Amino acid sequence: MTANTDLHKALTQLLAAIAAGGSASGAASITDCLARLDQLRQGLGDEAPAMLRHYLEKRSYEKAMAFLEGRDPEGETGR
């Protein structure tokens, strides 16, 4: 998997855990999701788009998801 695919998957899991109130049976906990996102963010490196790094550093996860899906409100895309 690519870094963007891993990030998208982790963000999807986080948003699902939040929507489920953090207690969905069989789903990753919010804490686990946040730890995974932090791990992925640290592994991005300088070649990752600046806006994506910014969103992840600021924990703007919905904006990061939009960036990865090519619907970034700031006008850049993750593709």
N, C-alpha and C. Protein backbone atom coordinates (compact mmCIF):
# COMPACT_ATOMS: atom_id res chain seq x y z
N MET A 1 0.84 -1.20 0.00
CA MET A 1 0.00 0.00 0.00
C MET A 1 0.88 1.25 0.00
N THR A 2 0.36 2.28 -0.60
CA THR A 2 1.09 3.54 -0.58
C THR A 2 0.78 4.28 0.70
N ALA A 3 1.59 5.29 0.98
CA ALA A 3 1.38 6.09 2.19
C ALA A 3 0.00 6.74 2.16
N ASN A 4 -0.42 7.24 0.99
CA ASN A 4 -1.74 7.87 0.89
C ASN A 4 -2.86 6.87 1.14
N THR A 5 -2.71 5.66 0.65
CA THR A 5 -3.72 4.63 0.87
C THR A 5 -3.79 4.26 2.34
N ASP A 6 -2.64 4.12 2.98
CA ASP A 6 -2.60 3.82 4.41
C ASP A 6 -3.24 4.94 5.21
N LEU A 7 -2.92 6.18 4.85
CA LEU A 7 -3.50 7.33 5.54
C LEU A 7 -5.01 7.37 5.37
N HIS A 8 -5.47 7.14 4.14
CA HIS A 8 -6.91 7.17 3.87
C HIS A 8 -7.61 6.10 4.70
N LYS A 9 -7.05 4.92 4.75
CA LYS A 9 -7.64 3.83 5.53
C LYS A 9 -7.69 4.20 7.01
N ALA A 10 -6.59 4.74 7.54
CA ALA A 10 -6.54 5.11 8.95
C ALA A 10 -7.54 6.22 9.27
N LEU A 11 -7.65 7.19 8.37
CA LEU A 11 -8.61 8.28 8.58
C LEU A 11 -10.04 7.76 8.54
N THR A 12 -10.32 6.85 7.62
CA THR A 12 -11.65 6.25 7.53
C THR A 12 -11.99 5.51 8.82
N GLN A 13 -11.03 4.76 9.35
CA GLN A 13 -11.25 4.03 10.60
C GLN A 13 -11.49 4.99 11.76
N LEU A 14 -10.72 6.07 11.82
CA LEU A 14 -10.90 7.05 12.88
C LEU A 14 -12.28 7.68 12.81
N LEU A 15 -12.68 8.13 11.64
CA LEU A 15 -13.98 8.78 11.50
C LEU A 15 -15.12 7.80 11.82
N ALA A 16 -14.95 6.53 11.47
CA ALA A 16 -15.96 5.53 11.81
C ALA A 16 -16.02 5.31 13.32
N ALA A 17 -14.86 5.27 13.97
CA ALA A 17 -14.83 5.09 15.42
C ALA A 17 -15.48 6.27 16.13
N ILE A 18 -15.23 7.47 15.62
CA ILE A 18 -15.85 8.66 16.21
C ILE A 18 -17.36 8.61 16.02
N ALA A 19 -17.80 8.27 14.82
CA ALA A 19 -19.23 8.20 14.53
C ALA A 19 -19.92 7.16 15.40
N ALA A 20 -19.20 6.09 15.75
CA ALA A 20 -19.76 5.03 16.58
C ALA A 20 -19.66 5.36 18.07
N GLY A 21 -19.17 6.52 18.38
CA GLY A 21 -19.04 6.90 19.78
C GLY A 21 -17.83 6.29 20.45
N GLY A 22 -16.91 5.78 19.65
CA GLY A 22 -15.67 5.23 20.17
C GLY A 22 -15.79 3.84 20.75
N SER A 23 -16.94 3.22 20.60
CA SER A 23 -17.14 1.92 21.24
C SER A 23 -17.74 0.88 20.30
N ALA A 24 -17.46 1.00 19.02
CA ALA A 24 -18.00 0.03 18.07
C ALA A 24 -17.37 -1.34 18.28
N SER A 25 -18.17 -2.35 18.35
CA SER A 25 -17.68 -3.70 18.56
C SER A 25 -16.82 -4.14 17.38
N GLY A 26 -15.63 -4.62 17.66
CA GLY A 26 -14.73 -5.11 16.63
C GLY A 26 -13.98 -4.03 15.88
N ALA A 27 -14.25 -2.78 16.16
CA ALA A 27 -13.58 -1.67 15.49
C ALA A 27 -12.41 -1.19 16.34
N ALA A 28 -11.48 -0.55 15.69
CA ALA A 28 -10.35 0.03 16.41
C ALA A 28 -10.86 1.18 17.27
N SER A 29 -10.20 1.36 18.42
CA SER A 29 -10.59 2.47 19.29
C SER A 29 -10.07 3.78 18.71
N ILE A 30 -10.64 4.86 19.17
CA ILE A 30 -10.18 6.19 18.73
C ILE A 30 -8.71 6.36 19.08
N THR A 31 -8.32 5.93 20.27
CA THR A 31 -6.92 6.04 20.70
C THR A 31 -6.00 5.27 19.76
N ASP A 32 -6.39 4.06 19.38
CA ASP A 32 -5.59 3.26 18.45
C ASP A 32 -5.48 3.94 17.09
N CYS A 33 -6.59 4.51 16.64
CA CYS A 33 -6.60 5.20 15.34
C CYS A 33 -5.68 6.41 15.38
N LEU A 34 -5.74 7.18 16.45
CA LEU A 34 -4.89 8.36 16.57
C LEU A 34 -3.41 7.98 16.62
N ALA A 35 -3.09 6.90 17.33
CA ALA A 35 -1.70 6.43 17.39
C ALA A 35 -1.21 6.01 16.00
N ARG A 36 -2.07 5.32 15.25
CA ARG A 36 -1.70 4.90 13.89
C ARG A 36 -1.48 6.11 12.98
N LEU A 37 -2.37 7.11 13.08
CA LEU A 37 -2.21 8.31 12.26
C LEU A 37 -0.94 9.05 12.61
N ASP A 38 -0.61 9.13 13.89
CA ASP A 38 0.65 9.77 14.29
C ASP A 38 1.85 9.03 13.71
N GLN A 39 1.78 7.71 13.73
CA GLN A 39 2.86 6.89 13.17
C GLN A 39 3.00 7.13 11.67
N LEU A 40 1.90 7.16 10.97
CA LEU A 40 1.93 7.40 9.53
C LEU A 40 2.43 8.80 9.21
N ARG A 41 1.99 9.78 9.99
CA ARG A 41 2.42 11.17 9.78
C ARG A 41 3.94 11.28 9.93
N GLN A 42 4.47 10.66 10.94
CA GLN A 42 5.92 10.73 11.17
C GLN A 42 6.72 10.08 10.05
N GLY A 43 6.13 9.11 9.39
CA GLY A 43 6.82 8.42 8.31
C GLY A 43 6.66 9.05 6.94
N LEU A 44 5.93 10.15 6.83
CA LEU A 44 5.67 10.75 5.53
C LEU A 44 6.91 11.28 4.84
N GLY A 45 7.73 12.01 5.55
CA GLY A 45 8.92 12.59 4.93
C GLY A 45 8.62 13.88 4.21
N ASP A 46 9.68 14.47 3.69
CA ASP A 46 9.58 15.78 3.05
C ASP A 46 8.91 15.75 1.68
N GLU A 47 8.81 14.57 1.07
CA GLU A 47 8.22 14.49 -0.26
C GLU A 47 6.69 14.58 -0.21
N ALA A 48 6.10 14.43 0.96
CA ALA A 48 4.64 14.53 1.09
C ALA A 48 4.21 15.98 0.89
N PRO A 49 3.05 16.18 0.32
CA PRO A 49 2.56 17.55 0.11
C PRO A 49 2.48 18.33 1.43
N ALA A 50 2.88 19.58 1.37
CA ALA A 50 2.93 20.42 2.56
C ALA A 50 1.56 20.55 3.23
N MET A 51 0.50 20.70 2.44
CA MET A 51 -0.83 20.86 3.02
C MET A 51 -1.27 19.59 3.75
N LEU A 52 -0.95 18.43 3.20
CA LEU A 52 -1.31 17.18 3.86
C LEU A 52 -0.58 17.08 5.20
N ARG A 53 0.71 17.37 5.20
CA ARG A 53 1.48 17.34 6.45
C ARG A 53 0.88 18.32 7.46
N HIS A 54 0.52 19.50 6.99
CA HIS A 54 -0.07 20.52 7.86
C HIS A 54 -1.37 20.01 8.49
N TYR A 55 -2.26 19.46 7.67
CA TYR A 55 -3.53 18.97 8.18
C TYR A 55 -3.32 17.89 9.24
N LEU A 56 -2.40 16.98 8.98
CA LEU A 56 -2.15 15.90 9.93
C LEU A 56 -1.51 16.41 11.21
N GLU A 57 -0.57 17.35 11.09
CA GLU A 57 0.07 17.91 12.27
C GLU A 57 -0.93 18.66 13.15
N LYS A 58 -1.89 19.33 12.52
CA LYS A 58 -2.90 20.09 13.25
C LYS A 58 -4.12 19.25 13.62
N ARG A 59 -4.08 17.96 13.27
CA ARG A 59 -5.17 17.02 13.53
C ARG A 59 -6.48 17.47 12.87
N SER A 60 -6.34 18.05 11.70
CA SER A 60 -7.51 18.43 10.89
C SER A 60 -7.81 17.25 9.97
N TYR A 61 -8.37 16.20 10.56
CA TYR A 61 -8.49 14.94 9.86
C TYR A 61 -9.53 14.96 8.74
N GLU A 62 -10.58 15.72 8.88
CA GLU A 62 -11.55 15.81 7.78
C GLU A 62 -10.93 16.53 6.59
N LYS A 63 -10.11 17.55 6.84
CA LYS A 63 -9.42 18.24 5.75
C LYS A 63 -8.38 17.33 5.12
N ALA A 64 -7.70 16.53 5.93
CA ALA A 64 -6.72 15.57 5.39
C ALA A 64 -7.43 14.56 4.48
N MET A 65 -8.58 14.10 4.92
CA MET A 65 -9.36 13.15 4.10
C MET A 65 -9.77 13.80 2.79
N ALA A 66 -10.25 15.03 2.86
CA ALA A 66 -10.65 15.75 1.65
C ALA A 66 -9.46 15.92 0.72
N PHE A 67 -8.30 16.22 1.27
CA PHE A 67 -7.08 16.37 0.47
C PHE A 67 -6.77 15.08 -0.27
N LEU A 68 -6.81 13.96 0.45
CA LEU A 68 -6.50 12.67 -0.16
C LEU A 68 -7.52 12.27 -1.22
N GLU A 69 -8.73 12.74 -1.07
CA GLU A 69 -9.79 12.41 -2.03
C GLU A 69 -9.89 13.42 -3.15
N GLY A 70 -8.99 14.39 -3.18
CA GLY A 70 -8.97 15.37 -4.27
C GLY A 70 -10.02 16.44 -4.14
N ARG A 71 -10.54 16.66 -2.95
CA ARG A 71 -11.54 17.71 -2.74
C ARG A 71 -11.10 18.67 -1.64
N ASP A 72 -9.83 19.01 -1.68
CA ASP A 72 -9.22 19.90 -0.68
C ASP A 72 -9.82 21.31 -0.76
N PRO A 73 -10.28 21.85 0.35
CA PRO A 73 -10.86 23.20 0.34
C PRO A 73 -9.84 24.30 0.04
N GLU A 74 -8.57 24.00 0.18
CA GLU A 74 -7.52 25.00 -0.08
C GLU A 74 -7.07 24.99 -1.54
N GLY A 75 -7.63 24.10 -2.36
CA GLY A 75 -7.36 24.13 -3.78
C GLY A 75 -6.29 23.16 -4.27
N GLU A 76 -5.53 22.55 -3.37
CA GLU A 76 -4.55 21.56 -3.80
C GLU A 76 -5.21 20.19 -3.74
N THR A 77 -4.60 19.21 -4.38
CA THR A 77 -5.14 17.86 -4.33
C THR A 77 -4.07 16.89 -3.92
N GLY A 78 -4.50 15.75 -3.43
CA GLY A 78 -3.59 14.72 -2.99
C GLY A 78 -3.26 13.72 -4.07
N ARG A 79 -3.75 13.92 -5.26
CA ARG A 79 -3.52 12.95 -6.34
C ARG A 79 -2.39 13.35 -7.23
